[in-house]
Amino acid sequence: MVSAGRVRRIRIALLLGALALFALLYAPQPVLPQLAGEYGLSPGSAALLVSAATLGLAVSAIPLGTLSEAVGRRRTMITSLIVAELLGLVLPWVHSFPLMVGLRLVQGAAVAGLAAVATAYLADETGGVRLGATVGLYVAGTTIGGMTGRLLGGIVGDFWGWSGGVLAVGLLGAVCTVAFVVLLPSEQHHQRKPLRWRPLLSGLGAALRDPGLYPPYLVAALGMGSFVTVYNVLGFRITAPPLLLPPALAALAFLAYAAGTVTSALAGRAADRWGRVRVLLTSLAVAVAGLLLMLPDSVPVILIGLVVFTGGFFGAHSVANGWVGTRASKEARGQASALYQLAYYGGSSVGGVLGGMAYGAWGWPGMTLLLGIWLALAALAVTFSRRQPAPPC
């Protein structure tokens, strides 16, 4: 039996670790306009700072998750977060944009060690004691971290420039990282195993051969590409004519991120009651409605549209993520989940750059049209999923 005190320490540690992880991952996003101005970059080029990190996370999640089986999950998570934090503190002092992109790629690869391992560590070390609540707290940490990092970076960046904003997020991450290392208990229930790639490849093959898993993969890739694009370029739009918001006020738009905390939980429960296809299509339609609401040059209307769009996206993400867990066969469940993360963060990387380029070339209306097409394609894949046979028992 796992003691209540141990479970509490694990919860607090993983909450702080998730906060640090996602604050660091998206630290440059609110100061992209300042970076673009200093280095003479287009919105699409500036977005490389976000896309490089999410690309690093996407390609490293499966290898680091597998490595943790051999070297230990606690060691993997702590090492990963420390490396990511050190890079976060170095980044504000680097004044070569290509070097910054390279460092962000490595930083994203580092945080994958925590992102890919945290849920497995929780399941093992809590002994299943209120696991749903514990995982929910970890997910809340990811949401809070993403929002806090964006807010802090944007507000501080308005007064001390992009480097001050990124440094402020790095210092916040440092405090959380120290607390994470101190609080996270040693493993008691995980038996280390030798590295074996054959079962991994077998599971990957099974996950790739199941056509019923492709709709949630597409929702992850196209939905996250749309989501990151909106948040990457929003600062460019609302700080430029005719809106001309100060960067500190523009950063408050990231409070809309909190809508995802509510809708992800609601959508999951709704899918259990009314079916995942229906709820997923509704969530995607809500996201498109949010995009359309953001078209007028009115700050209040844009903010309302942003809340609607964010809520729709996170609702879709929640249902699609659960779809993978219930659809995948037992032998492929872990690999299917990893492929979902690959699609999710890969979509963030590629979609964020392409969406930024669309904004630079065609403005907000052209970008909205592109994102609407992406979300419509995701909805089409979900609709066709009705024709897929039930998963094998």
Protein backbone atom coordinates (compact mmCIF):
# COMPACT_ATOMS: atom_id res chain seq x y z
CA MET A 1 0.00 0.00 0.00
CA VAL A 2 1.36 3.41 -1.00
CA SER A 3 1.26 5.97 1.81
CA ALA A 4 -0.83 9.12 1.44
CA GLY A 5 2.27 11.23 2.10
CA ARG A 6 4.19 9.60 -0.74
CA VAL A 7 1.30 10.07 -3.17
CA ARG A 8 1.09 13.72 -2.13
CA ARG A 9 4.79 14.27 -2.77
CA ILE A 10 4.53 12.64 -6.17
CA ARG A 11 1.56 14.79 -7.12
CA ILE A 12 3.20 18.04 -6.08
CA ALA A 13 6.50 17.11 -7.73
CA LEU A 14 4.88 16.19 -11.05
CA LEU A 15 2.69 19.29 -10.98
CA LEU A 16 5.80 21.48 -10.62
CA GLY A 17 7.71 19.45 -13.19
CA ALA A 18 4.89 19.85 -15.72
CA LEU A 19 4.72 23.57 -14.98
CA ALA A 20 8.45 23.96 -15.64
CA LEU A 21 8.33 21.77 -18.75
CA PHE A 22 5.58 23.65 -20.57
CA ALA A 23 6.70 27.09 -19.41
CA LEU A 24 10.13 26.40 -20.93
CA LEU A 25 8.71 24.77 -24.06
CA TYR A 26 6.70 27.85 -25.07
CA ALA A 27 8.82 30.58 -23.44
CA PRO A 28 9.67 32.45 -26.70
CA GLN A 29 6.09 32.45 -28.04
CA PRO A 30 4.87 35.72 -26.44
CA VAL A 31 8.00 37.63 -27.49
CA LEU A 32 8.11 36.47 -31.11
CA PRO A 33 7.16 39.96 -32.40
CA GLN A 34 10.12 41.52 -30.52
CA LEU A 35 12.46 38.81 -31.82
CA ALA A 36 11.18 39.29 -35.37
CA GLY A 37 11.76 43.04 -35.12
CA GLU A 38 15.30 42.69 -33.77
CA TYR A 39 16.44 40.10 -36.32
CA GLY A 40 14.34 41.25 -39.29
CA LEU A 41 12.33 38.03 -39.44
CA SER A 42 8.96 37.17 -40.92
CA PRO A 43 6.34 35.63 -38.59
CA GLY A 44 6.97 32.22 -40.14
CA SER A 45 10.72 32.44 -39.58
CA ALA A 46 10.34 33.67 -35.99
CA ALA A 47 7.99 30.74 -35.30
CA LEU A 48 10.96 28.40 -35.83
CA LEU A 49 11.89 29.05 -32.19
CA VAL A 50 8.69 27.34 -31.09
CA SER A 51 8.61 24.73 -33.84
CA ALA A 52 12.21 23.61 -33.24
CA ALA A 53 11.45 22.76 -29.60
CA THR A 54 8.25 20.86 -30.36
CA LEU A 55 10.04 19.00 -33.18
CA GLY A 56 12.77 17.96 -30.75
CA LEU A 57 10.13 16.70 -28.34
CA ALA A 58 8.28 14.82 -31.08
CA VAL A 59 11.26 12.85 -32.35
CA SER A 60 12.74 12.14 -28.90
CA ALA A 61 9.66 10.95 -27.00
CA ILE A 62 9.80 7.32 -28.15
CA PRO A 63 13.60 6.83 -27.73
CA LEU A 64 13.70 8.47 -24.29
CA GLY A 65 10.59 6.64 -23.14
CA THR A 66 12.26 3.37 -24.11
CA LEU A 67 15.57 4.36 -22.53
CA SER A 68 13.83 5.08 -19.22
CA GLU A 69 12.94 1.41 -18.93
CA ALA A 70 16.65 0.63 -18.65
CA VAL A 71 18.11 3.59 -16.73
CA GLY A 72 15.13 4.39 -14.51
CA ARG A 73 12.23 6.79 -14.87
CA ARG A 74 13.15 9.16 -12.07
CA ARG A 75 16.70 9.55 -13.38
CA THR A 76 15.42 10.14 -16.92
CA MET A 77 12.93 12.80 -15.84
CA ILE A 78 15.33 14.66 -13.56
CA THR A 79 18.20 14.66 -16.06
CA SER A 80 15.89 15.79 -18.86
CA LEU A 81 14.41 18.69 -16.91
CA ILE A 82 17.79 19.90 -15.62
CA VAL A 83 19.24 19.93 -19.15
CA ALA A 84 16.18 21.77 -20.48
CA GLU A 85 16.37 24.30 -17.65
CA LEU A 86 20.08 25.01 -18.18
CA LEU A 87 19.42 25.63 -21.87
CA GLY A 88 16.53 27.90 -20.90
CA LEU A 89 18.88 30.03 -18.80
CA VAL A 90 21.49 30.19 -21.57
CA LEU A 91 19.05 31.15 -24.34
CA PRO A 92 18.55 34.84 -23.35
CA TRP A 93 22.30 35.48 -23.69
CA VAL A 94 22.54 34.05 -27.22
CA HIS A 95 22.30 36.63 -30.00
CA SER A 96 22.55 34.42 -33.07
CA PHE A 97 19.13 33.36 -34.33
CA PRO A 98 20.33 30.11 -36.00
CA LEU A 99 22.11 29.14 -32.77
CA MET A 100 18.95 29.89 -30.79
CA VAL A 101 16.97 27.59 -33.07
CA GLY A 102 19.56 24.85 -32.56
CA LEU A 103 19.46 25.23 -28.78
CA ARG A 104 15.67 25.12 -28.83
CA LEU A 105 15.78 21.86 -30.80
CA VAL A 106 18.00 20.31 -28.10
CA GLN A 107 15.84 21.79 -25.34
CA GLY A 108 12.72 20.22 -26.84
CA ALA A 109 14.49 16.86 -27.09
CA ALA A 110 15.42 17.18 -23.41
CA VAL A 111 11.91 17.88 -22.11
CA ALA A 112 10.69 14.79 -23.97
CA GLY A 113 12.30 12.76 -21.20
CA LEU A 114 9.75 14.11 -18.74
CA ALA A 115 6.78 14.32 -21.10
CA ALA A 116 7.16 10.71 -22.27
CA VAL A 117 7.78 9.13 -18.87
CA ALA A 118 5.66 11.04 -16.34
CA THR A 119 2.40 9.10 -16.79
CA ALA A 120 4.13 5.71 -16.56
CA TYR A 121 5.96 6.83 -13.40
CA LEU A 122 2.67 7.98 -11.87
CA ALA A 123 0.94 4.68 -12.64
CA ASP A 124 3.76 2.64 -11.09
CA GLU A 125 4.59 4.70 -8.03
CA THR A 126 1.08 5.61 -6.86
CA GLY A 127 -0.08 2.01 -7.07
CA GLY A 128 -3.23 3.17 -8.83
CA VAL A 129 -4.35 5.22 -5.81
CA ARG A 130 -6.69 7.83 -7.32
CA LEU A 131 -4.64 7.64 -10.50
CA GLY A 132 -7.20 9.61 -12.50
CA ALA A 133 -7.00 12.55 -10.10
CA THR A 134 -3.20 12.36 -10.04
CA VAL A 135 -2.90 12.33 -13.84
CA GLY A 136 -5.44 15.15 -13.96
CA LEU A 137 -3.24 17.21 -11.66
CA TYR A 138 -0.26 16.58 -13.94
CA VAL A 139 -2.30 17.66 -16.99
CA ALA A 140 -3.38 20.75 -15.05
CA GLY A 141 0.31 21.50 -14.51
CA THR A 142 0.92 21.38 -18.26
CA THR A 143 -1.92 23.83 -18.83
CA ILE A 144 -0.84 26.16 -16.02
CA GLY A 145 2.77 25.99 -17.18
CA GLY A 146 1.90 26.82 -20.76
CA MET A 147 -0.26 29.76 -19.71
CA THR A 148 2.06 31.06 -16.97
CA GLY A 149 5.14 30.96 -19.17
CA ARG A 150 3.38 32.87 -21.92
CA LEU A 151 1.97 35.49 -19.55
CA LEU A 152 5.21 36.03 -17.64
CA GLY A 153 7.34 36.15 -20.77
CA GLY A 154 5.00 38.56 -22.53
CA ILE A 155 4.61 40.99 -19.62
CA VAL A 156 8.30 41.06 -18.66
CA GLY A 157 9.29 41.16 -22.34
CA ASP A 158 7.34 44.40 -22.76
CA PHE A 159 9.62 46.11 -20.21
CA TRP A 160 12.98 44.35 -20.67
CA GLY A 161 12.84 43.02 -24.20
CA TRP A 162 12.59 39.47 -25.48
CA SER A 163 15.69 38.32 -23.57
CA GLY A 164 14.23 39.61 -20.28
CA GLY A 165 10.97 37.77 -20.97
CA VAL A 166 12.71 34.48 -21.76
CA LEU A 167 15.00 34.87 -18.74
CA ALA A 168 12.02 35.44 -16.44
CA VAL A 169 10.47 32.18 -17.62
CA GLY A 170 13.84 30.44 -17.17
CA LEU A 171 14.04 31.64 -13.56
CA LEU A 172 10.50 30.43 -12.88
CA GLY A 173 11.47 27.08 -14.39
CA ALA A 174 14.59 26.94 -12.20
CA VAL A 175 12.54 27.28 -9.00
CA CYS A 176 10.13 24.57 -10.15
CA THR A 177 12.98 22.30 -11.26
CA VAL A 178 14.74 22.50 -7.89
CA ALA A 179 11.48 21.69 -6.10
CA PHE A 180 10.83 18.81 -8.53
CA VAL A 181 14.24 17.24 -7.86
CA VAL A 182 13.86 17.59 -4.09
CA LEU A 183 10.30 16.29 -3.88
CA LEU A 184 10.22 13.46 -6.44
CA PRO A 185 10.57 10.15 -4.54
CA SER A 186 12.87 7.36 -5.67
CA GLU A 187 11.27 4.53 -7.59
CA GLN A 188 9.99 1.59 -5.57
CA HIS A 189 7.81 -0.31 -8.03
CA HIS A 190 9.61 -0.12 -11.36
CA GLN A 191 11.97 -2.94 -12.29
CA ARG A 192 14.60 -1.81 -14.78
CA LYS A 193 14.79 -3.85 -17.94
CA PRO A 194 17.45 -4.31 -20.61
CA LEU A 195 16.88 -2.34 -23.77
CA ARG A 196 14.86 -4.42 -26.21
CA TRP A 197 13.91 -2.87 -29.51
CA ARG A 198 12.05 -5.80 -31.06
CA PRO A 199 8.90 -5.46 -28.89
CA LEU A 200 8.94 -1.71 -29.52
CA LEU A 201 9.10 -2.17 -33.30
CA SER A 202 6.40 -4.84 -33.17
CA GLY A 203 4.10 -2.51 -31.26
CA LEU A 204 4.83 0.36 -33.64
CA GLY A 205 3.96 -1.84 -36.58
CA ALA A 206 0.65 -2.83 -35.01
CA ALA A 207 -0.20 0.81 -34.27
CA LEU A 208 0.63 1.86 -37.84
CA ARG A 209 -1.35 -0.99 -39.43
CA ASP A 210 -4.63 -0.08 -37.69
CA PRO A 211 -6.51 2.40 -39.94
CA GLY A 212 -8.85 3.16 -37.05
CA LEU A 213 -6.03 5.07 -35.35
CA TYR A 214 -5.37 7.45 -38.23
CA PRO A 215 -8.30 9.82 -37.52
CA PRO A 216 -7.03 10.75 -34.02
CA TYR A 217 -3.48 11.06 -35.37
CA LEU A 218 -4.77 13.52 -38.00
CA VAL A 219 -6.78 15.44 -35.39
CA ALA A 220 -3.61 15.73 -33.31
CA ALA A 221 -1.42 16.91 -36.20
CA LEU A 222 -3.85 19.27 -37.95
CA GLY A 223 -5.49 20.53 -34.76
CA MET A 224 -2.22 21.27 -32.99
CA GLY A 225 -0.80 22.87 -36.14
CA SER A 226 -3.79 25.22 -36.18
CA PHE A 227 -3.60 25.91 -32.44
CA VAL A 228 0.10 26.78 -32.40
CA THR A 229 -0.26 28.95 -35.50
CA VAL A 230 -2.95 31.09 -33.86
CA TYR A 231 -0.94 31.58 -30.68
CA ASN A 232 2.30 32.19 -32.61
CA VAL A 233 0.94 34.99 -34.78
CA LEU A 234 -1.68 36.50 -32.48
CA GLY A 235 0.91 38.81 -30.93
CA PHE A 236 1.93 40.09 -34.36
CA ARG A 237 -1.67 40.96 -35.18
CA ILE A 238 -2.86 42.64 -31.99
CA THR A 239 0.31 44.70 -31.47
CA ALA A 240 0.27 46.03 -35.07
CA PRO A 241 -2.05 48.65 -36.65
CA PRO A 242 -4.96 49.11 -36.38
CA LEU A 243 -5.15 47.44 -32.93
CA LEU A 244 -1.77 48.56 -31.49
CA LEU A 245 -2.02 46.87 -28.10
CA PRO A 246 1.08 47.20 -25.86
CA PRO A 247 2.88 43.83 -25.58
CA ALA A 248 2.12 43.57 -21.84
CA LEU A 249 -1.62 43.85 -22.53
CA ALA A 250 -1.34 41.58 -25.55
CA ALA A 251 0.16 38.88 -23.31
CA LEU A 252 -3.06 38.80 -21.30
CA ALA A 253 -4.69 37.15 -24.33
CA PHE A 254 -2.92 33.96 -23.25
CA LEU A 255 -5.39 33.73 -20.36
CA ALA A 256 -7.70 32.19 -22.98
CA TYR A 257 -5.50 29.11 -22.65
CA ALA A 258 -7.38 28.34 -19.40
CA ALA A 259 -10.49 27.50 -21.43
CA GLY A 260 -8.77 24.27 -22.42
CA THR A 261 -8.64 23.09 -18.81
CA VAL A 262 -12.43 23.21 -18.64
CA THR A 263 -13.35 21.88 -22.08
CA SER A 264 -10.89 18.97 -22.07
CA ALA A 265 -12.59 17.51 -18.99
CA LEU A 266 -16.11 18.26 -20.26
CA ALA A 267 -15.43 16.77 -23.69
CA GLY A 268 -14.06 13.56 -22.18
CA ARG A 269 -17.20 13.05 -20.11
CA ALA A 270 -19.44 14.00 -23.05
CA ALA A 271 -17.71 11.43 -25.28
CA ASP A 272 -18.54 8.69 -22.76
CA ARG A 273 -22.19 9.71 -22.91
CA TRP A 274 -22.80 10.66 -26.55
CA GLY A 275 -19.95 8.98 -28.43
CA ARG A 276 -16.50 10.22 -29.34
CA VAL A 277 -17.22 10.84 -33.05
CA ARG A 278 -20.13 13.17 -32.30
CA VAL A 279 -18.26 15.07 -29.59
CA LEU A 280 -15.07 15.28 -31.65
CA LEU A 281 -16.89 16.70 -34.66
CA THR A 282 -18.67 19.20 -32.41
CA SER A 283 -15.36 20.28 -30.85
CA LEU A 284 -13.77 20.79 -34.27
CA ALA A 285 -16.81 22.84 -35.37
CA VAL A 286 -16.46 25.00 -32.24
CA ALA A 287 -12.78 25.57 -33.07
CA VAL A 288 -13.71 26.70 -36.61
CA ALA A 289 -16.37 29.02 -35.17
CA GLY A 290 -13.70 30.56 -32.93
CA LEU A 291 -11.48 31.17 -35.95
CA LEU A 292 -14.29 32.95 -37.76
CA LEU A 293 -15.05 35.08 -34.70
CA MET A 294 -11.46 36.33 -34.71
CA LEU A 295 -11.71 37.81 -38.23
CA PRO A 296 -12.94 41.35 -37.33
CA ASP A 297 -10.41 43.96 -36.17
CA SER A 298 -11.94 44.26 -32.71
CA VAL A 299 -9.93 43.26 -29.62
CA PRO A 300 -12.97 42.15 -27.54
CA VAL A 301 -14.32 40.04 -30.42
CA ILE A 302 -10.87 38.55 -31.11
CA LEU A 303 -10.52 37.56 -27.45
CA ILE A 304 -13.96 35.94 -27.40
CA GLY A 305 -13.07 34.06 -30.57
CA LEU A 306 -9.76 32.98 -29.04
CA VAL A 307 -11.53 31.53 -25.99
CA VAL A 308 -13.99 29.65 -28.24
CA PHE A 309 -11.22 28.39 -30.53
CA THR A 310 -9.05 27.27 -27.59
CA GLY A 311 -11.94 25.48 -25.92
CA GLY A 312 -12.83 23.67 -29.15
CA PHE A 313 -9.26 22.60 -29.79
CA PHE A 314 -8.68 21.19 -26.32
CA GLY A 315 -12.03 19.40 -26.41
CA ALA A 316 -10.99 17.72 -29.67
CA HIS A 317 -7.54 16.89 -28.32
CA SER A 318 -8.98 15.31 -25.18
CA VAL A 319 -11.35 13.04 -27.11
CA ALA A 320 -8.77 12.10 -29.76
CA ASN A 321 -6.20 11.22 -27.10
CA GLY A 322 -8.70 8.97 -25.32
CA TRP A 323 -9.65 7.40 -28.66
CA VAL A 324 -6.09 6.10 -29.08
CA GLY A 325 -6.11 4.46 -25.65
CA THR A 326 -9.36 2.62 -26.25
CA ARG A 327 -8.78 1.68 -29.89
CA ALA A 328 -5.17 0.40 -29.78
CA SER A 329 -4.52 -3.25 -29.03
CA LYS A 330 -2.83 -4.08 -25.74
CA GLU A 331 0.52 -4.85 -27.39
CA ALA A 332 0.50 -1.53 -29.25
CA ARG A 333 -1.07 0.78 -26.67
CA GLY A 334 2.16 2.42 -25.57
CA GLN A 335 3.45 2.83 -29.10
CA ALA A 336 0.09 4.16 -30.35
CA SER A 337 0.17 6.76 -27.59
CA ALA A 338 3.73 7.68 -28.56
CA LEU A 339 2.68 8.02 -32.21
CA TYR A 340 -0.13 10.32 -31.12
CA GLN A 341 2.42 12.50 -29.33
CA LEU A 342 4.61 12.41 -32.45
CA ALA A 343 1.66 13.59 -34.56
CA TYR A 344 0.71 16.21 -31.96
CA TYR A 345 4.12 17.84 -31.60
CA GLY A 346 5.12 17.16 -35.20
CA GLY A 347 1.98 19.00 -36.26
CA SER A 348 2.96 21.83 -33.95
CA SER A 349 6.39 22.09 -35.57
CA VAL A 350 5.39 21.89 -39.21
CA GLY A 351 2.00 23.56 -38.88
CA GLY A 352 3.38 26.43 -36.81
CA VAL A 353 5.87 27.35 -39.52
CA LEU A 354 3.45 26.89 -42.44
CA GLY A 355 0.73 28.84 -40.66
CA GLY A 356 3.16 31.66 -39.90
CA MET A 357 4.18 31.77 -43.54
CA ALA A 358 0.52 31.93 -44.56
CA TYR A 359 -0.01 34.87 -42.20
CA GLY A 360 3.04 36.66 -43.61
CA ALA A 361 1.87 36.12 -47.20
CA TRP A 362 -1.92 36.51 -46.97
CA GLY A 363 -2.63 38.13 -43.60
CA TRP A 364 -5.05 36.91 -40.96
CA PRO A 365 -7.93 36.07 -43.40
CA GLY A 366 -5.66 33.90 -45.58
CA MET A 367 -4.26 32.15 -42.53
CA THR A 368 -7.81 31.56 -41.24
CA LEU A 369 -8.76 29.94 -44.55
CA LEU A 370 -5.76 27.58 -44.36
CA LEU A 371 -6.47 26.59 -40.75
CA GLY A 372 -10.14 26.08 -41.57
CA ILE A 373 -9.13 23.66 -44.33
CA TRP A 374 -6.88 21.75 -41.90
CA LEU A 375 -9.66 21.41 -39.34
CA ALA A 376 -12.15 20.39 -42.06
CA LEU A 377 -9.75 17.64 -43.19
CA ALA A 378 -9.51 16.41 -39.61
CA ALA A 379 -13.32 16.38 -39.37
CA LEU A 380 -13.52 14.47 -42.66
CA ALA A 381 -11.17 11.79 -41.32
CA VAL A 382 -13.28 11.46 -38.17
CA THR A 383 -16.46 11.16 -40.25
CA PHE A 384 -14.99 8.38 -42.37
CA SER A 385 -13.90 6.56 -39.21
CA ARG A 386 -17.50 5.35 -38.84
CA ARG A 387 -16.75 2.88 -41.64
CA GLN A 388 -13.82 1.30 -39.78
CA PRO A 389 -14.43 -2.10 -38.19
CA ALA A 390 -14.27 -2.44 -34.41
CA PRO A 391 -10.79 -3.06 -32.98
CA PRO A 392 -9.77 -6.69 -32.55
CA CYS A 393 -10.31 -8.13 -29.09
